[in-house]
């Protein structure tokens, strides 16, 4: 004959089993899981937060002026000095940076090379285009070229380069003889290749530009064609 204690324990076990199998308990479990999924889907991820933040930023793009030269030099030195070091040898950058971080007088006067300022009036980005490739370039075609894009190292991933591209594309459609049917090229740094891919450019070939007698700088020729 079972003892009172044993019977009491057995009844408690049966009660718990019956509770877990009851429709009310199952409904509570389902609601708990559904609630977790809803709350999880509403929680802002870092990517969603960044996209929302960038979507709400309206950058003011203006043509660069000769008076911007000193500030452009500072921007280029900061941007290239910080962002290129993961893709280029330190000894190469020691020679190349003083050459590629100089504001180009041609670009400062062309009217289709732009800058963006932050809320404090400091340059946050630059870039633009010209109707032909850089004058000293031995590679590339005689088509419009994107030129000298840079974003300040503490302002990356905020849509600055994209805003300058959108202004460039708008003006290319207005000023290029072929309008928006034109083919575009750019000599991209290795670092910026993915950025230009996001704009529709394709890798043509990797090459080295001779930027000084003793300095050859690896880059990527990229092309975007509407044809």
C-alpha atoms as a PDB file:
ATOM      1  CA  UNK A   1       0.000   0.000   0.000  1.00  0.00           C
ATOM      2  CA  UNK A   2       1.405   3.345  -0.981  1.00  0.00           C
ATOM      3  CA  UNK A   3       2.240   5.780   1.796  1.00  0.00           C
ATOM      4  CA  UNK A   4       0.421   9.095   2.079  1.00  0.00           C
ATOM      5  CA  UNK A   5       3.662  10.960   1.160  1.00  0.00           C
ATOM      6  CA  UNK A   6       4.184   8.895  -1.976  1.00  0.00           C
ATOM      7  CA  UNK A   7       0.597   9.407  -3.111  1.00  0.00           C
ATOM      8  CA  UNK A   8       0.835  13.142  -2.450  1.00  0.00           C
ATOM      9  CA  UNK A   9       4.053  13.402  -4.518  1.00  0.00           C
ATOM     10  CA  UNK A  10       2.522  11.413  -7.379  1.00  0.00           C
ATOM     11  CA  UNK A  11      -0.527  13.665  -7.434  1.00  0.00           C
ATOM     12  CA  UNK A  12       1.694  16.788  -7.602  1.00  0.00           C
ATOM     13  CA  UNK A  13       3.570  15.346 -10.594  1.00  0.00           C
ATOM     14  CA  UNK A  14       0.302  14.575 -12.377  1.00  0.00           C
ATOM     15  CA  UNK A  15      -0.939  18.098 -11.662  1.00  0.00           C
ATOM     16  CA  UNK A  16       2.195  19.675 -13.209  1.00  0.00           C
ATOM     17  CA  UNK A  17       1.949  17.428 -16.269  1.00  0.00           C
ATOM     18  CA  UNK A  18      -1.700  18.323 -16.745  1.00  0.00           C
ATOM     19  CA  UNK A  19      -0.909  22.045 -16.409  1.00  0.00           C
ATOM     20  CA  UNK A  20       1.823  21.890 -19.078  1.00  0.00           C
ATOM     21  CA  UNK A  21      -0.583  20.102 -21.421  1.00  0.00           C
ATOM     22  CA  UNK A  22      -3.529  22.405 -20.796  1.00  0.00           C
ATOM     23  CA  UNK A  23      -4.729  24.727 -23.638  1.00  0.00           C
ATOM     24  CA  UNK A  24      -4.329  27.804 -21.418  1.00  0.00           C
ATOM     25  CA  UNK A  25      -0.669  27.018 -20.685  1.00  0.00           C
ATOM     26  CA  UNK A  26       0.074  26.348 -24.352  1.00  0.00           C
ATOM     27  CA  UNK A  27      -1.620  29.629 -25.298  1.00  0.00           C
ATOM     28  CA  UNK A  28       0.561  31.507 -22.784  1.00  0.00           C
ATOM     29  CA  UNK A  29       3.711  29.890 -24.199  1.00  0.00           C
ATOM     30  CA  UNK A  30       2.728  30.845 -27.757  1.00  0.00           C
ATOM     31  CA  UNK A  31       2.001  34.430 -26.746  1.00  0.00           C
ATOM     32  CA  UNK A  32       5.324  34.665 -24.891  1.00  0.00           C
ATOM     33  CA  UNK A  33       7.234  33.504 -27.985  1.00  0.00           C
ATOM     34  CA  UNK A  34       5.264  35.813 -30.277  1.00  0.00           C
ATOM     35  CA  UNK A  35       5.850  38.746 -27.941  1.00  0.00           C
ATOM     36  CA  UNK A  36       9.617  38.070 -27.929  1.00  0.00           C
ATOM     37  CA  UNK A  37       9.676  38.020 -31.728  1.00  0.00           C
ATOM     38  CA  UNK A  38       7.693  41.264 -32.003  1.00  0.00           C
ATOM     39  CA  UNK A  39       9.872  43.072 -29.489  1.00  0.00           C
ATOM     40  CA  UNK A  40      13.014  41.716 -31.151  1.00  0.00           C
ATOM     41  CA  UNK A  41      11.916  42.920 -34.574  1.00  0.00           C
ATOM     42  CA  UNK A  42      11.215  46.390 -33.199  1.00  0.00           C
ATOM     43  CA  UNK A  43      14.583  46.756 -31.488  1.00  0.00           C
ATOM     44  CA  UNK A  44      16.791  49.054 -33.634  1.00  0.00           C
ATOM     45  CA  UNK A  45      19.950  47.334 -34.868  1.00  0.00           C
ATOM     46  CA  UNK A  46      23.106  49.355 -35.433  1.00  0.00           C
ATOM     47  CA  UNK A  47      22.607  49.036 -39.191  1.00  0.00           C
ATOM     48  CA  UNK A  48      18.979  50.219 -39.067  1.00  0.00           C
ATOM     49  CA  UNK A  49      19.886  53.077 -36.765  1.00  0.00           C
ATOM     50  CA  UNK A  50      22.653  54.214 -39.085  1.00  0.00           C
ATOM     51  CA  UNK A  51      20.453  53.966 -42.175  1.00  0.00           C
ATOM     52  CA  UNK A  52      17.700  55.970 -40.497  1.00  0.00           C
ATOM     53  CA  UNK A  53      20.155  58.590 -39.297  1.00  0.00           C
ATOM     54  CA  UNK A  54      21.812  58.952 -42.702  1.00  0.00           C
ATOM     55  CA  UNK A  55      18.448  59.116 -44.462  1.00  0.00           C
ATOM     56  CA  UNK A  56      17.526  62.154 -42.437  1.00  0.00           C
ATOM     57  CA  UNK A  57      20.754  64.041 -43.186  1.00  0.00           C
ATOM     58  CA  UNK A  58      20.573  66.485 -46.070  1.00  0.00           C
ATOM     59  CA  UNK A  59      24.128  67.484 -46.953  1.00  0.00           C
ATOM     60  CA  UNK A  60      24.702  70.800 -48.688  1.00  0.00           C
ATOM     61  CA  UNK A  61      27.016  70.294 -51.643  1.00  0.00           C
ATOM     62  CA  UNK A  62      28.688  73.344 -53.162  1.00  0.00           C
ATOM     63  CA  UNK A  63      31.375  73.874 -55.825  1.00  0.00           C
ATOM     64  CA  UNK A  64      34.859  74.205 -54.356  1.00  0.00           C
ATOM     65  CA  UNK A  65      36.614  77.551 -54.635  1.00  0.00           C
ATOM     66  CA  UNK A  66      40.299  78.528 -54.766  1.00  0.00           C
ATOM     67  CA  UNK A  67      39.828  79.937 -51.262  1.00  0.00           C
ATOM     68  CA  UNK A  68      39.171  76.370 -50.032  1.00  0.00           C
ATOM     69  CA  UNK A  69      42.683  75.229 -50.918  1.00  0.00           C
ATOM     70  CA  UNK A  70      44.201  75.151 -47.432  1.00  0.00           C
ATOM     71  CA  UNK A  71      41.191  73.402 -45.920  1.00  0.00           C
ATOM     72  CA  UNK A  72      41.079  70.889 -48.764  1.00  0.00           C
ATOM     73  CA  UNK A  73      44.731  70.078 -48.065  1.00  0.00           C
ATOM     74  CA  UNK A  74      43.862  69.394 -44.427  1.00  0.00           C
ATOM     75  CA  UNK A  75      40.878  67.249 -45.406  1.00  0.00           C
ATOM     76  CA  UNK A  76      42.883  65.144 -47.851  1.00  0.00           C
ATOM     77  CA  UNK A  77      45.731  64.659 -45.375  1.00  0.00           C
ATOM     78  CA  UNK A  78      43.314  63.524 -42.665  1.00  0.00           C
ATOM     79  CA  UNK A  79      41.243  61.266 -44.924  1.00  0.00           C
ATOM     80  CA  UNK A  80      43.978  59.519 -46.874  1.00  0.00           C
ATOM     81  CA  UNK A  81      46.349  59.388 -43.917  1.00  0.00           C
ATOM     82  CA  UNK A  82      43.804  57.533 -41.802  1.00  0.00           C
ATOM     83  CA  UNK A  83      41.895  55.455 -44.343  1.00  0.00           C
ATOM     84  CA  UNK A  84      44.558  54.196 -46.762  1.00  0.00           C
ATOM     85  CA  UNK A  85      46.908  52.641 -44.215  1.00  0.00           C
ATOM     86  CA  UNK A  86      45.026  49.329 -44.129  1.00  0.00           C
ATOM     87  CA  UNK A  87      45.533  48.754 -47.867  1.00  0.00           C
ATOM     88  CA  UNK A  88      48.923  50.331 -48.625  1.00  0.00           C
ATOM     89  CA  UNK A  89      52.434  49.792 -47.347  1.00  0.00           C
ATOM     90  CA  UNK A  90      53.602  52.357 -44.779  1.00  0.00           C
ATOM     91  CA  UNK A  91      56.794  53.145 -46.725  1.00  0.00           C
ATOM     92  CA  UNK A  92      54.799  53.766 -49.900  1.00  0.00           C
ATOM     93  CA  UNK A  93      52.401  56.090 -48.069  1.00  0.00           C
ATOM     94  CA  UNK A  94      55.328  58.005 -46.616  1.00  0.00           C
ATOM     95  CA  UNK A  95      56.274  58.984 -50.173  1.00  0.00           C
ATOM     96  CA  UNK A  96      52.805  59.155 -51.701  1.00  0.00           C
ATOM     97  CA  UNK A  97      50.761  61.058 -49.133  1.00  0.00           C
ATOM     98  CA  UNK A  98      52.552  64.414 -49.571  1.00  0.00           C
ATOM     99  CA  UNK A  99      51.805  64.119 -53.305  1.00  0.00           C
ATOM    100  CA  UNK A 100      48.167  62.993 -53.263  1.00  0.00           C
ATOM    101  CA  UNK A 101      46.992  65.236 -50.423  1.00  0.00           C
ATOM    102  CA  UNK A 102      47.538  68.493 -52.295  1.00  0.00           C
ATOM    103  CA  UNK A 103      44.507  70.389 -53.525  1.00  0.00           C
ATOM    104  CA  UNK A 104      44.446  70.461 -57.308  1.00  0.00           C
ATOM    105  CA  UNK A 105      44.134  73.989 -58.739  1.00  0.00           C
ATOM    106  CA  UNK A 106      42.401  72.623 -61.839  1.00  0.00           C
ATOM    107  CA  UNK A 107      39.680  71.061 -59.675  1.00  0.00           C
ATOM    108  CA  UNK A 108      39.297  74.094 -57.430  1.00  0.00           C
ATOM    109  CA  UNK A 109      38.496  76.202 -60.503  1.00  0.00           C
ATOM    110  CA  UNK A 110      36.468  73.816 -62.665  1.00  0.00           C
ATOM    111  CA  UNK A 111      33.035  74.303 -61.056  1.00  0.00           C
ATOM    112  CA  UNK A 112      32.254  70.559 -61.049  1.00  0.00           C
ATOM    113  CA  UNK A 113      34.387  69.574 -58.064  1.00  0.00           C
ATOM    114  CA  UNK A 114      32.540  69.962 -54.793  1.00  0.00           C
ATOM    115  CA  UNK A 115      32.913  70.149 -51.037  1.00  0.00           C
ATOM    116  CA  UNK A 116      30.616  69.500 -48.072  1.00  0.00           C
ATOM    117  CA  UNK A 117      30.903  71.293 -44.738  1.00  0.00           C
ATOM    118  CA  UNK A 118      29.814  69.987 -41.332  1.00  0.00           C
ATOM    119  CA  UNK A 119      27.708  71.956 -38.831  1.00  0.00           C
ATOM    120  CA  UNK A 120      30.826  73.776 -37.629  1.00  0.00           C
ATOM    121  CA  UNK A 121      31.834  74.957 -41.082  1.00  0.00           C
ATOM    122  CA  UNK A 122      34.711  72.452 -41.384  1.00  0.00           C
ATOM    123  CA  UNK A 123      35.142  70.469 -44.581  1.00  0.00           C
ATOM    124  CA  UNK A 124      33.733  66.961 -44.223  1.00  0.00           C
ATOM    125  CA  UNK A 125      34.145  65.706 -47.783  1.00  0.00           C
ATOM    126  CA  UNK A 126      35.186  66.554 -51.324  1.00  0.00           C
ATOM    127  CA  UNK A 127      35.024  65.109 -54.814  1.00  0.00           C
ATOM    128  CA  UNK A 128      33.565  65.691 -58.246  1.00  0.00           C
ATOM    129  CA  UNK A 129      34.232  65.156 -61.919  1.00  0.00           C
ATOM    130  CA  UNK A 130      35.808  66.548 -65.057  1.00  0.00           C
ATOM    131  CA  UNK A 131      34.976  65.949 -68.721  1.00  0.00           C
ATOM    132  CA  UNK A 132      38.223  64.044 -69.313  1.00  0.00           C
ATOM    133  CA  UNK A 133      40.749  61.975 -67.392  1.00  0.00           C
ATOM    134  CA  UNK A 134      43.464  63.687 -65.309  1.00  0.00           C
ATOM    135  CA  UNK A 135      45.903  65.503 -67.639  1.00  0.00           C
ATOM    136  CA  UNK A 136      48.938  63.408 -66.686  1.00  0.00           C
ATOM    137  CA  UNK A 137      47.140  60.049 -66.784  1.00  0.00           C
ATOM    138  CA  UNK A 138      48.468  57.656 -69.424  1.00  0.00           C
ATOM    139  CA  UNK A 139      45.653  55.178 -68.786  1.00  0.00           C
ATOM    140  CA  UNK A 140      41.894  55.560 -69.100  1.00  0.00           C
ATOM    141  CA  UNK A 141      39.728  56.990 -71.847  1.00  0.00           C
ATOM    142  CA  UNK A 142      38.767  60.508 -72.893  1.00  0.00           C
ATOM    143  CA  UNK A 143      35.451  60.302 -71.046  1.00  0.00           C
ATOM    144  CA  UNK A 144      34.200  62.088 -67.909  1.00  0.00           C
ATOM    145  CA  UNK A 145      36.152  61.041 -64.821  1.00  0.00           C
ATOM    146  CA  UNK A 146      35.338  61.214 -61.144  1.00  0.00           C
ATOM    147  CA  UNK A 147      38.156  62.994 -59.357  1.00  0.00           C
ATOM    148  CA  UNK A 148      39.751  63.150 -55.913  1.00  0.00           C
ATOM    149  CA  UNK A 149      36.940  61.939 -53.633  1.00  0.00           C
ATOM    150  CA  UNK A 150      37.677  62.020 -49.904  1.00  0.00           C
ATOM    151  CA  UNK A 151      35.728  61.946 -46.648  1.00  0.00           C
ATOM    152  CA  UNK A 152      37.078  63.139 -43.319  1.00  0.00           C
ATOM    153  CA  UNK A 153      38.056  60.136 -41.218  1.00  0.00           C
ATOM    154  CA  UNK A 154      35.537  60.888 -38.447  1.00  0.00           C
ATOM    155  CA  UNK A 155      32.681  61.432 -40.922  1.00  0.00           C
ATOM    156  CA  UNK A 156      32.665  58.169 -42.867  1.00  0.00           C
ATOM    157  CA  UNK A 157      29.438  56.209 -43.441  1.00  0.00           C
ATOM    158  CA  UNK A 158      27.281  59.303 -43.180  1.00  0.00           C
ATOM    159  CA  UNK A 159      26.365  59.569 -46.868  1.00  0.00           C
ATOM    160  CA  UNK A 160      28.863  62.314 -47.716  1.00  0.00           C
ATOM    161  CA  UNK A 161      30.481  60.578 -50.674  1.00  0.00           C
ATOM    162  CA  UNK A 162      27.054  59.513 -51.958  1.00  0.00           C
ATOM    163  CA  UNK A 163      25.775  63.108 -51.742  1.00  0.00           C
ATOM    164  CA  UNK A 164      28.719  64.352 -53.809  1.00  0.00           C
ATOM    165  CA  UNK A 165      28.157  61.562 -56.326  1.00  0.00           C
ATOM    166  CA  UNK A 166      24.476  62.501 -56.668  1.00  0.00           C
ATOM    167  CA  UNK A 167      25.399  66.125 -57.370  1.00  0.00           C
ATOM    168  CA  UNK A 168      28.023  64.963 -59.869  1.00  0.00           C
ATOM    169  CA  UNK A 169      25.549  62.677 -61.635  1.00  0.00           C
ATOM    170  CA  UNK A 170      22.987  65.469 -61.849  1.00  0.00           C
ATOM    171  CA  UNK A 171      25.529  67.829 -63.427  1.00  0.00           C
ATOM    172  CA  UNK A 172      26.903  65.138 -65.739  1.00  0.00           C
ATOM    173  CA  UNK A 173      23.417  64.725 -67.173  1.00  0.00           C
ATOM    174  CA  UNK A 174      23.217  68.474 -67.701  1.00  0.00           C
ATOM    175  CA  UNK A 175      26.743  69.240 -68.935  1.00  0.00           C
ATOM    176  CA  UNK A 176      28.126  66.110 -70.578  1.00  0.00           C
ATOM    177  CA  UNK A 177      27.691  65.954 -74.386  1.00  0.00           C
ATOM    178  CA  UNK A 178      26.182  62.474 -74.014  1.00  0.00           C
ATOM    179  CA  UNK A 179      24.010  63.379 -71.041  1.00  0.00           C
ATOM    180  CA  UNK A 180      23.232  60.473 -68.726  1.00  0.00           C
ATOM    181  CA  UNK A 181      24.119  57.988 -71.483  1.00  0.00           C
ATOM    182  CA  UNK A 182      27.785  58.793 -70.981  1.00  0.00           C
ATOM    183  CA  UNK A 183      30.472  56.363 -69.884  1.00  0.00           C
ATOM    184  CA  UNK A 184      32.335  57.370 -66.724  1.00  0.00           C
ATOM    185  CA  UNK A 185      35.703  56.294 -65.357  1.00  0.00           C
ATOM    186  CA  UNK A 186      37.599  56.756 -62.121  1.00  0.00           C
ATOM    187  CA  UNK A 187      41.069  55.939 -60.849  1.00  0.00           C
ATOM    188  CA  UNK A 188      40.104  54.493 -57.483  1.00  0.00           C
ATOM    189  CA  UNK A 189      42.340  53.746 -54.551  1.00  0.00           C
ATOM    190  CA  UNK A 190      42.224  50.112 -53.464  1.00  0.00           C
ATOM    191  CA  UNK A 191      40.443  51.323 -50.337  1.00  0.00           C
ATOM    192  CA  UNK A 192      37.597  53.017 -52.216  1.00  0.00           C
ATOM    193  CA  UNK A 193      36.881  50.266 -54.751  1.00  0.00           C
ATOM    194  CA  UNK A 194      33.772  49.006 -52.938  1.00  0.00           C
ATOM    195  CA  UNK A 195      32.405  52.549 -52.677  1.00  0.00           C
ATOM    196  CA  UNK A 196      32.583  53.007 -56.445  1.00  0.00           C
ATOM    197  CA  UNK A 197      31.091  49.547 -56.998  1.00  0.00           C
ATOM    198  CA  UNK A 198      28.100  50.721 -54.964  1.00  0.00           C
ATOM    199  CA  UNK A 199      27.685  53.538 -57.514  1.00  0.00           C
ATOM    200  CA  UNK A 200      27.603  51.110 -60.426  1.00  0.00           C
ATOM    201  CA  UNK A 201      31.291  51.174 -61.445  1.00  0.00           C
ATOM    202  CA  UNK A 202      33.016  47.960 -62.465  1.00  0.00           C
ATOM    203  CA  UNK A 203      36.625  46.893 -62.070  1.00  0.00           C
ATOM    204  CA  UNK A 204      38.517  47.269 -65.365  1.00  0.00           C
ATOM    205  CA  UNK A 205      42.080  46.609 -64.233  1.00  0.00           C
ATOM    206  CA  UNK A 206      44.564  47.196 -61.456  1.00  0.00           C
ATOM    207  CA  UNK A 207      47.439  49.462 -62.422  1.00  0.00           C
ATOM    208  CA  UNK A 208      50.049  51.822 -61.006  1.00  0.00           C
ATOM    209  CA  UNK A 209      50.087  55.545 -61.609  1.00  0.00           C
ATOM    210  CA  UNK A 210      53.476  57.227 -61.723  1.00  0.00           C
ATOM    211  CA  UNK A 211      52.859  60.178 -59.405  1.00  0.00           C
ATOM    212  CA  UNK A 212      56.568  61.043 -59.081  1.00  0.00           C
ATOM    213  CA  UNK A 213      59.850  59.840 -60.556  1.00  0.00           C
ATOM    214  CA  UNK A 214      60.430  57.634 -57.528  1.00  0.00           C
ATOM    215  CA  UNK A 215      56.822  56.828 -56.606  1.00  0.00           C
ATOM    216  CA  UNK A 216      54.367  54.532 -58.361  1.00  0.00           C
ATOM    217  CA  UNK A 217      50.945  54.325 -56.714  1.00  0.00           C
ATOM    218  CA  UNK A 218      48.723  51.219 -57.105  1.00  0.00           C
ATOM    219  CA  UNK A 219      45.100  51.965 -58.002  1.00  0.00           C
ATOM    220  CA  UNK A 220      42.111  50.532 -59.827  1.00  0.00           C
ATOM    221  CA  UNK A 221      40.683  51.785 -63.103  1.00  0.00           C
ATOM    222  CA  UNK A 222      36.889  51.475 -62.900  1.00  0.00           C
ATOM    223  CA  UNK A 223      34.177  52.190 -65.445  1.00  0.00           C
ATOM    224  CA  UNK A 224      30.434  52.855 -65.381  1.00  0.00           C
ATOM    225  CA  UNK A 225      28.563  52.605 -68.664  1.00  0.00           C
ATOM    226  CA  UNK A 226      24.899  53.284 -69.407  1.00  0.00           C
ATOM    227  CA  UNK A 227      25.113  51.673 -72.835  1.00  0.00           C
END
